[in-house]
Structure formats: C-alpha cells, structure tokens
Protein backbone atom coordinates (compact mmCIF):
# COMPACT_ATOMS: atom_id res chain seq x y z
CA ARG A 1 -16.56 7.57 -0.32
CA LEU A 2 -19.73 9.60 -0.29
CA GLY A 3 -18.93 11.27 3.02
CA ARG A 4 -21.78 9.61 4.91
CA TYR A 5 -19.56 8.13 7.58
CA SER A 6 -22.05 8.37 10.44
CA ASP A 7 -24.58 6.43 8.36
CA ALA A 8 -21.87 3.93 7.44
CA LEU A 9 -20.98 3.47 11.09
CA ALA A 10 -24.60 2.63 11.92
CA ASP A 11 -24.64 0.15 9.03
CA PHE A 12 -21.44 -1.51 10.23
CA ASP A 13 -22.82 -1.68 13.78
CA ARG A 14 -25.77 -3.59 12.37
CA ALA A 15 -23.54 -5.80 10.19
CA VAL A 16 -21.48 -6.80 13.23
CA GLN A 17 -24.67 -7.66 15.10
CA LEU A 18 -25.95 -9.78 12.22
CA ARG A 19 -22.65 -11.49 11.39
CA PRO A 20 -20.45 -11.43 14.50
CA ARG A 21 -18.03 -13.94 12.98
CA SER A 22 -17.39 -11.89 9.83
CA TYR A 23 -14.12 -9.97 9.95
CA TRP A 24 -15.17 -7.51 7.26
CA GLY A 25 -17.81 -5.72 9.36
CA PHE A 26 -15.35 -5.27 12.21
CA TYR A 27 -12.66 -4.05 9.82
CA GLN A 28 -14.93 -1.53 8.11
CA ARG A 29 -16.27 -0.31 11.44
CA ALA A 30 -12.69 0.19 12.69
CA LEU A 31 -11.79 2.19 9.56
CA THR A 32 -14.92 4.29 9.86
CA ARG A 33 -14.39 4.97 13.55
CA TYR A 34 -10.79 5.90 12.85
CA TYR A 35 -11.87 8.26 10.09
CA LEU A 36 -14.46 9.95 12.31
CA ASP A 37 -12.12 10.23 15.30
CA PRO A 38 -8.64 8.66 15.46
CA ASP A 39 -8.83 8.93 19.25
CA ASP A 40 -12.05 6.89 19.37
CA ASP A 41 -12.03 3.30 20.57
CA TRP A 42 -11.53 1.69 17.13
CA LYS A 43 -8.70 -0.69 18.06
CA PRO A 44 -10.87 -3.49 19.53
CA ASP A 45 -12.74 -3.72 16.21
CA LEU A 46 -9.48 -3.93 14.30
CA GLU A 47 -8.11 -6.54 16.67
CA ARG A 48 -11.30 -8.59 16.29
CA ALA A 49 -11.17 -8.27 12.48
CA HIS A 50 -7.54 -9.40 12.47
CA GLU A 51 -8.35 -12.32 14.78
CA LEU A 52 -11.29 -13.49 12.62
CA ALA A 53 -9.38 -13.07 9.34
CA THR A 54 -6.42 -15.00 10.76
CA ALA A 55 -8.73 -17.83 11.84
CA ALA A 56 -10.31 -17.89 8.37
CA TYR A 57 -6.83 -18.07 6.82
CA GLU A 58 -5.91 -20.97 9.06
CA ARG A 59 -9.08 -22.82 7.98
CA ASP A 60 -8.56 -22.14 4.27
CA PRO A 61 -5.22 -20.59 3.22
CA SER A 62 -6.26 -20.77 -0.45
CA ASP A 63 -9.15 -18.27 -0.06
CA MET A 64 -7.72 -15.36 -2.06
CA TRP A 65 -10.41 -12.93 -0.87
CA ASN A 66 -9.42 -13.59 2.71
CA LEU A 67 -5.74 -13.36 1.78
CA PHE A 68 -6.22 -9.82 0.48
CA ASN A 69 -8.33 -8.84 3.48
CA LEU A 70 -5.89 -10.31 5.99
CA ALA A 71 -3.07 -8.47 4.21
CA LEU A 72 -5.06 -5.26 4.59
CA CYS A 73 -5.60 -5.93 8.30
CA ASN A 74 -1.86 -6.45 8.67
CA LEU A 75 -1.21 -3.10 7.00
CA PHE A 76 -3.51 -1.47 9.53
CA VAL A 77 -1.80 -3.13 12.51
CA ASP A 78 1.62 -2.16 11.10
CA ASP A 79 2.83 -5.68 10.38
CA GLY A 80 4.40 -4.91 7.03
CA THR A 81 6.25 -8.20 6.75
CA ALA A 82 3.06 -10.24 7.11
CA ALA A 83 1.19 -7.88 4.77
CA ASP A 84 3.85 -8.30 2.07
CA ALA A 85 3.80 -12.09 2.36
CA LEU A 86 0.01 -12.22 2.18
CA TYR A 87 -0.25 -9.77 -0.74
CA THR A 88 2.40 -11.77 -2.63
CA GLU A 89 0.50 -15.00 -2.02
CA ALA A 90 -2.86 -13.46 -2.94
CA LEU A 91 -1.58 -11.76 -6.08
CA ALA A 92 -0.24 -15.07 -7.38
CA ALA A 93 -3.73 -16.61 -7.16
CA ALA A 94 -5.93 -13.60 -7.88
CA ASP A 95 -8.23 -13.21 -10.84
CA GLU A 96 -9.19 -9.83 -12.29
CA LEU A 97 -12.26 -9.42 -10.07
CA ALA A 98 -10.28 -10.11 -6.89
CA ARG A 99 -7.58 -7.63 -7.95
CA ARG A 100 -10.19 -4.93 -8.60
CA GLU A 101 -11.76 -5.52 -5.17
CA ALA A 102 -8.34 -5.41 -3.51
CA LEU A 103 -7.57 -2.16 -5.35
CA ARG A 104 -10.81 -0.62 -4.13
CA ASP A 105 -10.05 -1.69 -0.57
CA LEU A 106 -6.56 -0.22 -0.78
CA ASP A 107 -8.04 3.02 -2.12
CA ASP A 108 -10.24 3.21 0.98
CA TYR A 109 -7.23 2.51 3.19
CA LEU A 110 -5.16 5.16 1.41
CA LEU A 111 -7.88 7.76 2.02
CA LEU A 112 -7.05 7.43 5.71
CA PHE A 113 -3.33 6.82 5.33
CA PRO A 114 -2.25 8.61 2.13
CA ASP A 115 1.42 8.53 3.12
CA ASN A 116 1.58 4.76 3.59
CA ALA A 117 4.23 3.87 1.01
CA GLN A 118 3.73 0.14 1.42
CA ALA A 119 0.00 0.38 0.63
CA ALA A 120 0.78 2.60 -2.37
CA ARG A 121 3.33 0.07 -3.67
CA TRP A 122 0.84 -2.78 -3.35
CA ARG A 123 -1.77 -0.69 -5.10
CA GLU A 124 0.63 -0.22 -8.03
CA ARG A 125 1.47 -3.93 -8.15
CA LEU A 126 -2.21 -4.87 -8.15
CA GLU A 127 -2.87 -2.42 -11.00
CA GLU A 128 -0.06 -3.97 -13.01
CA GLY A 129 -1.56 -7.41 -12.47
C-alpha cells in the first residue's frame, strides 16, 4: 500500500525461506510479483499458496482464517465457485477481527484486479457482516 513493492518482494522472499510451509508468504509474493510485472513468473508461487492453503483446510476445515485465505487464493486462480463456497462458510463463522482482516486482504486484491465483480461483492458482504 505504500508503494514499496520491491522491498516487499524481498521481505516475502525471506518469509518463504523462513516458513516454507506457510501459504501466506507464497500468496503475498505472487501478488507482489504480479503487481510488479504480470508477465513475471508469479504463477508457481500462487500454485504453491493454493496447495498449502488447501492442505491446511483439509487438516482443519473450521479454521476461519484459512477459509478466508483459501477463498482469496481461489479468486486469484479464477475458481469462483470454490471461492463463493469458502467465503460463505467463513462468513458464517467469522468474528469482527476476521472480517476486518478479510476486508483488508480483499482491498489488496482489488488494487490489482479492480474490475473483479466477485471480489467486490464479497467485500460488500463482509462489510455488512
């Protein structure tokens, strides 16, 4: 949000090195790489993030933080049906803090994809509570 994407990319590179089983570092690095250059090789990071978030969901489907993050990954990989199902499930269990975090994450996503109507709809639903 501050425009320091090259610095952020270096931070996400380090995060992935430190926590190679955390989907969030891979997801953020994919978003940052996409922002810097949509033609860059960002897809492997997104695929890894999706893979790790899916595995976390399979281990604990009640983890609402992971539900929101997996829904976001599904938006990015254009699986709208899965994203809708996950957002619906997460919203039913979410507290105020989780909704605010999910809103912030959707805001970041919408910076890159401002015309994504599905993300905008979910943003509105999360705001409504």
